[in-house]
Amino acid sequence: MRTELSLYIDQRYWVYGVSEEDLEHTIELARGFVNASYELVRQEYARVRTSNPEQADDIMDDIVAHAVTDSDYVWQACLWRLQGLLEAIIVCTFLGRPDSTGLVGLKAKLQAMRDSGFQIGDADSNELLNWARVRNALSHAPPERYRPGPLKEDDVVEYHQLALRLCRDWRGQLGKK
């Protein structure tokens, strides 16, 4: 491992700190990657349709399928980053801690939020923990190459909206503390 990477482990590397804007940027970044991939497929399809119109659909079937599979992996990476950002926002913004030492996992962070006087309903807490379980399953036992699993853009957008709503609620509570 390069020295710069090993130093990254113990250093504070943010300039501005993470915020809900990072959640927005992550969704837009993933959409950009997926849309760019699909645009390349559209361009290739037009080229193949011109050069080989009788077989264009057959030729493009696998290319389209691979693009869809690849986009599913982009959404998995997006979920992974969104949860990491949410946990960092919880720790650094709402708990006011420099790092998450002693708070292993989302469940511990949510309990620390409650212990600090923040409110989170059981339904929201359970939903966040279920999302964490999905993210953990995808992280620790990743799907095989050609079968990325059921996670799609709409699912990640749902998580994103949940995270934004909770951050907005907690920001409102922060002002009352």
C-alpha atoms as a PDB file:
ATOM      1  CA  MET A   1       0.000   0.000   0.000  1.00  0.00           C
ATOM      2  CA  ARG A   2       1.262   3.453  -0.849  1.00  0.00           C
ATOM      3  CA  THR A   3       2.223   5.572   2.151  1.00  0.00           C
ATOM      4  CA  GLU A   4      -0.320   8.252   1.213  1.00  0.00           C
ATOM      5  CA  LEU A   5      -3.113   5.694   1.426  1.00  0.00           C
ATOM      6  CA  SER A   6      -2.005   4.324   4.772  1.00  0.00           C
ATOM      7  CA  LEU A   7      -1.849   7.865   6.163  1.00  0.00           C
ATOM      8  CA  TYR A   8      -5.420   8.416   4.947  1.00  0.00           C
ATOM      9  CA  ILE A   9      -6.631   5.920   7.534  1.00  0.00           C
ATOM     10  CA  ASP A  10      -5.785   8.071  10.555  1.00  0.00           C
ATOM     11  CA  GLN A  11      -5.949  11.587   9.144  1.00  0.00           C
ATOM     12  CA  ARG A  12      -8.780  14.040   9.034  1.00  0.00           C
ATOM     13  CA  TYR A  13      -9.066  14.637   5.288  1.00  0.00           C
ATOM     14  CA  TRP A  14     -12.201  16.732   4.862  1.00  0.00           C
ATOM     15  CA  VAL A  15     -11.895  20.358   3.974  1.00  0.00           C
ATOM     16  CA  TYR A  16     -15.536  21.389   4.376  1.00  0.00           C
ATOM     17  CA  GLY A  17     -17.072  18.318   6.000  1.00  0.00           C
ATOM     18  CA  VAL A  18     -19.866  16.156   4.678  1.00  0.00           C
ATOM     19  CA  SER A  19     -23.454  17.335   4.395  1.00  0.00           C
ATOM     20  CA  GLU A  20     -26.709  16.581   2.677  1.00  0.00           C
ATOM     21  CA  GLU A  21     -25.220  18.142  -0.453  1.00  0.00           C
ATOM     22  CA  ASP A  22     -22.905  15.115  -0.624  1.00  0.00           C
ATOM     23  CA  LEU A  23     -25.967  12.866  -0.653  1.00  0.00           C
ATOM     24  CA  GLU A  24     -27.367  14.845  -3.603  1.00  0.00           C
ATOM     25  CA  HIS A  25     -24.033  14.768  -5.418  1.00  0.00           C
ATOM     26  CA  THR A  26     -23.790  10.994  -5.023  1.00  0.00           C
ATOM     27  CA  ILE A  27     -27.177  10.412  -6.660  1.00  0.00           C
ATOM     28  CA  GLU A  28     -26.329  12.782  -9.509  1.00  0.00           C
ATOM     29  CA  LEU A  29     -22.919  11.155  -9.980  1.00  0.00           C
ATOM     30  CA  ALA A  30     -24.484   7.695 -10.266  1.00  0.00           C
ATOM     31  CA  ARG A  31     -27.138   8.978 -12.674  1.00  0.00           C
ATOM     32  CA  GLY A  32     -24.420  10.551 -14.778  1.00  0.00           C
ATOM     33  CA  PHE A  33     -22.495   7.279 -15.028  1.00  0.00           C
ATOM     34  CA  VAL A  34     -25.602   5.273 -15.874  1.00  0.00           C
ATOM     35  CA  ASN A  35     -26.880   7.799 -18.410  1.00  0.00           C
ATOM     36  CA  ALA A  36     -23.476   8.024 -20.099  1.00  0.00           C
ATOM     37  CA  SER A  37     -23.364   4.233 -20.396  1.00  0.00           C
ATOM     38  CA  TYR A  38     -26.851   4.113 -21.876  1.00  0.00           C
ATOM     39  CA  GLU A  39     -25.965   6.892 -24.308  1.00  0.00           C
ATOM     40  CA  LEU A  40     -23.018   4.842 -25.575  1.00  0.00           C
ATOM     41  CA  VAL A  41     -25.363   1.886 -26.052  1.00  0.00           C
ATOM     42  CA  ARG A  42     -27.809   4.080 -28.003  1.00  0.00           C
ATOM     43  CA  GLN A  43     -24.965   5.273 -30.230  1.00  0.00           C
ATOM     44  CA  GLU A  44     -23.755   1.718 -30.813  1.00  0.00           C
ATOM     45  CA  TYR A  45     -27.282   0.570 -31.579  1.00  0.00           C
ATOM     46  CA  ALA A  46     -27.635   3.303 -34.220  1.00  0.00           C
ATOM     47  CA  ARG A  47     -24.312   2.294 -35.761  1.00  0.00           C
ATOM     48  CA  VAL A  48     -25.196  -1.416 -35.791  1.00  0.00           C
ATOM     49  CA  ARG A  49     -28.687  -0.727 -37.140  1.00  0.00           C
ATOM     50  CA  THR A  50     -27.119   1.126 -40.065  1.00  0.00           C
ATOM     51  CA  SER A  51     -24.401  -1.436 -40.800  1.00  0.00           C
ATOM     52  CA  ASN A  52     -26.385  -4.606 -40.119  1.00  0.00           C
ATOM     53  CA  PRO A  53     -30.130  -3.838 -39.904  1.00  0.00           C
ATOM     54  CA  GLU A  54     -31.312  -7.462 -40.109  1.00  0.00           C
ATOM     55  CA  GLN A  55     -29.256  -8.589 -37.131  1.00  0.00           C
ATOM     56  CA  ALA A  56     -29.107  -5.353 -35.105  1.00  0.00           C
ATOM     57  CA  ASP A  57     -31.482  -6.543 -32.401  1.00  0.00           C
ATOM     58  CA  ASP A  58     -29.666  -9.845 -31.937  1.00  0.00           C
ATOM     59  CA  ILE A  59     -26.271  -8.144 -31.886  1.00  0.00           C
ATOM     60  CA  MET A  60     -27.390  -5.544 -29.371  1.00  0.00           C
ATOM     61  CA  ASP A  61     -29.228  -7.866 -26.963  1.00  0.00           C
ATOM     62  CA  ASP A  62     -26.093  -8.790 -25.016  1.00  0.00           C
ATOM     63  CA  ILE A  63     -24.693  -5.269 -25.118  1.00  0.00           C
ATOM     64  CA  VAL A  64     -27.916  -3.856 -23.687  1.00  0.00           C
ATOM     65  CA  ALA A  65     -28.103  -6.591 -21.043  1.00  0.00           C
ATOM     66  CA  HIS A  66     -24.544  -5.866 -19.923  1.00  0.00           C
ATOM     67  CA  ALA A  67     -25.263  -2.133 -19.726  1.00  0.00           C
ATOM     68  CA  VAL A  68     -28.284  -2.806 -17.509  1.00  0.00           C
ATOM     69  CA  THR A  69     -26.252  -5.154 -15.293  1.00  0.00           C
ATOM     70  CA  ASP A  70     -23.454  -2.588 -15.021  1.00  0.00           C
ATOM     71  CA  SER A  71     -25.950   0.102 -14.025  1.00  0.00           C
ATOM     72  CA  ASP A  72     -27.190  -2.145 -11.219  1.00  0.00           C
ATOM     73  CA  TYR A  73     -23.637  -2.245  -9.873  1.00  0.00           C
ATOM     74  CA  VAL A  74     -23.455   1.544 -10.040  1.00  0.00           C
ATOM     75  CA  TRP A  75     -26.594   1.739  -7.870  1.00  0.00           C
ATOM     76  CA  GLN A  76     -25.051  -0.675  -5.375  1.00  0.00           C
ATOM     77  CA  ALA A  77     -21.998   1.563  -5.095  1.00  0.00           C
ATOM     78  CA  CYS A  78     -24.297   4.546  -4.737  1.00  0.00           C
ATOM     79  CA  LEU A  79     -26.163   2.931  -1.821  1.00  0.00           C
ATOM     80  CA  TRP A  80     -22.858   2.055  -0.194  1.00  0.00           C
ATOM     81  CA  ARG A  81     -21.631   5.669  -0.427  1.00  0.00           C
ATOM     82  CA  LEU A  82     -24.965   7.157   0.673  1.00  0.00           C
ATOM     83  CA  GLN A  83     -24.971   5.105   3.849  1.00  0.00           C
ATOM     84  CA  GLY A  84     -21.363   5.995   4.582  1.00  0.00           C
ATOM     85  CA  LEU A  85     -22.191   9.665   4.117  1.00  0.00           C
ATOM     86  CA  LEU A  86     -25.254   9.414   6.348  1.00  0.00           C
ATOM     87  CA  GLU A  87     -23.198   7.778   9.093  1.00  0.00           C
ATOM     88  CA  ALA A  88     -20.529  10.487   8.776  1.00  0.00           C
ATOM     89  CA  ILE A  89     -23.188  13.218   8.950  1.00  0.00           C
ATOM     90  CA  ILE A  90     -24.661  11.592  12.060  1.00  0.00           C
ATOM     91  CA  VAL A  91     -21.281  11.364  13.787  1.00  0.00           C
ATOM     92  CA  CYS A  92     -19.681  14.652  12.785  1.00  0.00           C
ATOM     93  CA  THR A  93     -22.649  16.986  12.374  1.00  0.00           C
ATOM     94  CA  PHE A  94     -25.310  15.822  14.785  1.00  0.00           C
ATOM     95  CA  LEU A  95     -23.189  14.134  17.445  1.00  0.00           C
ATOM     96  CA  GLY A  96     -20.382  16.680  17.002  1.00  0.00           C
ATOM     97  CA  ARG A  97     -17.681  14.036  17.247  1.00  0.00           C
ATOM     98  CA  PRO A  98     -14.410  14.055  15.313  1.00  0.00           C
ATOM     99  CA  ASP A  99     -14.783  10.379  14.389  1.00  0.00           C
ATOM    100  CA  SER A 100     -16.883   7.292  15.069  1.00  0.00           C
ATOM    101  CA  THR A 101     -14.562   5.662  17.605  1.00  0.00           C
ATOM    102  CA  GLY A 102     -16.703   3.461  19.830  1.00  0.00           C
ATOM    103  CA  LEU A 103     -19.705   3.646  17.488  1.00  0.00           C
ATOM    104  CA  VAL A 104     -19.440   0.531  15.373  1.00  0.00           C
ATOM    105  CA  GLY A 105     -22.344   0.229  12.956  1.00  0.00           C
ATOM    106  CA  LEU A 106     -25.411   2.263  12.213  1.00  0.00           C
ATOM    107  CA  LYS A 107     -27.358   0.834  15.158  1.00  0.00           C
ATOM    108  CA  ALA A 108     -24.794   2.209  17.621  1.00  0.00           C
ATOM    109  CA  LYS A 109     -24.842   5.598  15.903  1.00  0.00           C
ATOM    110  CA  LEU A 110     -28.636   5.777  16.053  1.00  0.00           C
ATOM    111  CA  GLN A 111     -28.529   4.867  19.748  1.00  0.00           C
ATOM    112  CA  ALA A 112     -25.963   7.615  20.337  1.00  0.00           C
ATOM    113  CA  MET A 113     -28.323  10.032  18.572  1.00  0.00           C
ATOM    114  CA  ARG A 114     -31.143   9.001  20.926  1.00  0.00           C
ATOM    115  CA  ASP A 115     -28.832   9.260  23.921  1.00  0.00           C
ATOM    116  CA  SER A 116     -27.980  12.809  22.798  1.00  0.00           C
ATOM    117  CA  GLY A 117     -31.655  13.761  22.722  1.00  0.00           C
ATOM    118  CA  PHE A 118     -32.414  13.348  19.015  1.00  0.00           C
ATOM    119  CA  GLN A 119     -35.711  11.765  18.096  1.00  0.00           C
ATOM    120  CA  ILE A 120     -36.092   9.006  15.516  1.00  0.00           C
ATOM    121  CA  GLY A 121     -39.222   6.926  15.211  1.00  0.00           C
ATOM    122  CA  ASP A 122     -39.058   3.169  15.417  1.00  0.00           C
ATOM    123  CA  ALA A 123     -40.310   2.802  11.837  1.00  0.00           C
ATOM    124  CA  ASP A 124     -37.568   5.093  10.481  1.00  0.00           C
ATOM    125  CA  SER A 125     -34.936   3.427  12.635  1.00  0.00           C
ATOM    126  CA  ASN A 126     -35.997  -0.041  11.474  1.00  0.00           C
ATOM    127  CA  GLU A 127     -36.038   1.086   7.851  1.00  0.00           C
ATOM    128  CA  LEU A 128     -32.520   2.529   8.135  1.00  0.00           C
ATOM    129  CA  LEU A 129     -31.280  -0.658   9.775  1.00  0.00           C
ATOM    130  CA  ASN A 130     -32.855  -2.776   7.038  1.00  0.00           C
ATOM    131  CA  TRP A 131     -31.133  -0.644   4.410  1.00  0.00           C
ATOM    132  CA  ALA A 132     -27.884  -1.148   6.311  1.00  0.00           C
ATOM    133  CA  ARG A 133     -28.447  -4.902   6.199  1.00  0.00           C
ATOM    134  CA  VAL A 134     -28.936  -4.744   2.430  1.00  0.00           C
ATOM    135  CA  ARG A 135     -25.791  -2.651   2.057  1.00  0.00           C
ATOM    136  CA  ASN A 136     -23.869  -5.057   4.299  1.00  0.00           C
ATOM    137  CA  ALA A 137     -25.063  -8.088   2.337  1.00  0.00           C
ATOM    138  CA  LEU A 138     -23.957  -6.431  -0.907  1.00  0.00           C
ATOM    139  CA  SER A 139     -20.620  -5.475   0.670  1.00  0.00           C
ATOM    140  CA  HIS A 140     -19.710  -8.715   2.414  1.00  0.00           C
ATOM    141  CA  ALA A 141     -21.205 -11.227  -0.011  1.00  0.00           C
ATOM    142  CA  PRO A 142     -21.322  -9.369  -3.340  1.00  0.00           C
ATOM    143  CA  PRO A 143     -23.534 -10.747  -6.072  1.00  0.00           C
ATOM    144  CA  GLU A 144     -22.010 -12.737  -8.877  1.00  0.00           C
ATOM    145  CA  ARG A 145     -20.896 -10.995 -12.040  1.00  0.00           C
ATOM    146  CA  TYR A 146     -23.972 -11.417 -14.242  1.00  0.00           C
ATOM    147  CA  ARG A 147     -26.638 -11.341 -11.540  1.00  0.00           C
ATOM    148  CA  PRO A 148     -26.234  -8.130  -9.561  1.00  0.00           C
ATOM    149  CA  GLY A 149     -29.437  -8.539  -7.598  1.00  0.00           C
ATOM    150  CA  PRO A 150     -32.661  -6.622  -7.328  1.00  0.00           C
ATOM    151  CA  LEU A 151     -31.362  -3.194  -6.237  1.00  0.00           C
ATOM    152  CA  LYS A 152     -32.393  -0.507  -8.767  1.00  0.00           C
ATOM    153  CA  GLU A 153     -32.276   3.268  -9.055  1.00  0.00           C
ATOM    154  CA  ASP A 154     -35.752   3.704  -7.552  1.00  0.00           C
ATOM    155  CA  ASP A 155     -34.657   1.764  -4.465  1.00  0.00           C
ATOM    156  CA  VAL A 156     -31.589   3.939  -3.967  1.00  0.00           C
ATOM    157  CA  VAL A 157     -33.646   7.095  -4.525  1.00  0.00           C
ATOM    158  CA  GLU A 158     -36.026   5.858  -1.807  1.00  0.00           C
ATOM    159  CA  TYR A 159     -33.097   5.476   0.611  1.00  0.00           C
ATOM    160  CA  HIS A 160     -31.766   8.875  -0.446  1.00  0.00           C
ATOM    161  CA  GLN A 161     -35.118  10.533   0.292  1.00  0.00           C
ATOM    162  CA  LEU A 162     -35.278   8.819   3.696  1.00  0.00           C
ATOM    163  CA  ALA A 163     -31.768  10.023   4.558  1.00  0.00           C
ATOM    164  CA  LEU A 164     -32.560  13.595   3.454  1.00  0.00           C
ATOM    165  CA  ARG A 165     -35.800  13.667   5.432  1.00  0.00           C
ATOM    166  CA  LEU A 166     -34.108  12.392   8.578  1.00  0.00           C
ATOM    167  CA  CYS A 167     -31.251  14.879   8.234  1.00  0.00           C
ATOM    168  CA  ARG A 168     -33.781  17.690   7.823  1.00  0.00           C
ATOM    169  CA  ASP A 169     -35.637  16.490  10.942  1.00  0.00           C
ATOM    170  CA  TRP A 170     -32.423  16.222  12.946  1.00  0.00           C
ATOM    171  CA  ARG A 171     -31.275  19.673  11.796  1.00  0.00           C
ATOM    172  CA  GLY A 172     -34.541  21.034  13.149  1.00  0.00           C
ATOM    173  CA  GLN A 173     -33.932  19.245  16.431  1.00  0.00           C
ATOM    174  CA  LEU A 174     -30.327  20.490  16.529  1.00  0.00           C
ATOM    175  CA  GLY A 175     -31.628  24.045  16.595  1.00  0.00           C
ATOM    176  CA  LYS A 176     -33.739  23.224  19.674  1.00  0.00           C
ATOM    177  CA  LYS A 177     -30.909  21.650  21.671  1.00  0.00           C
END
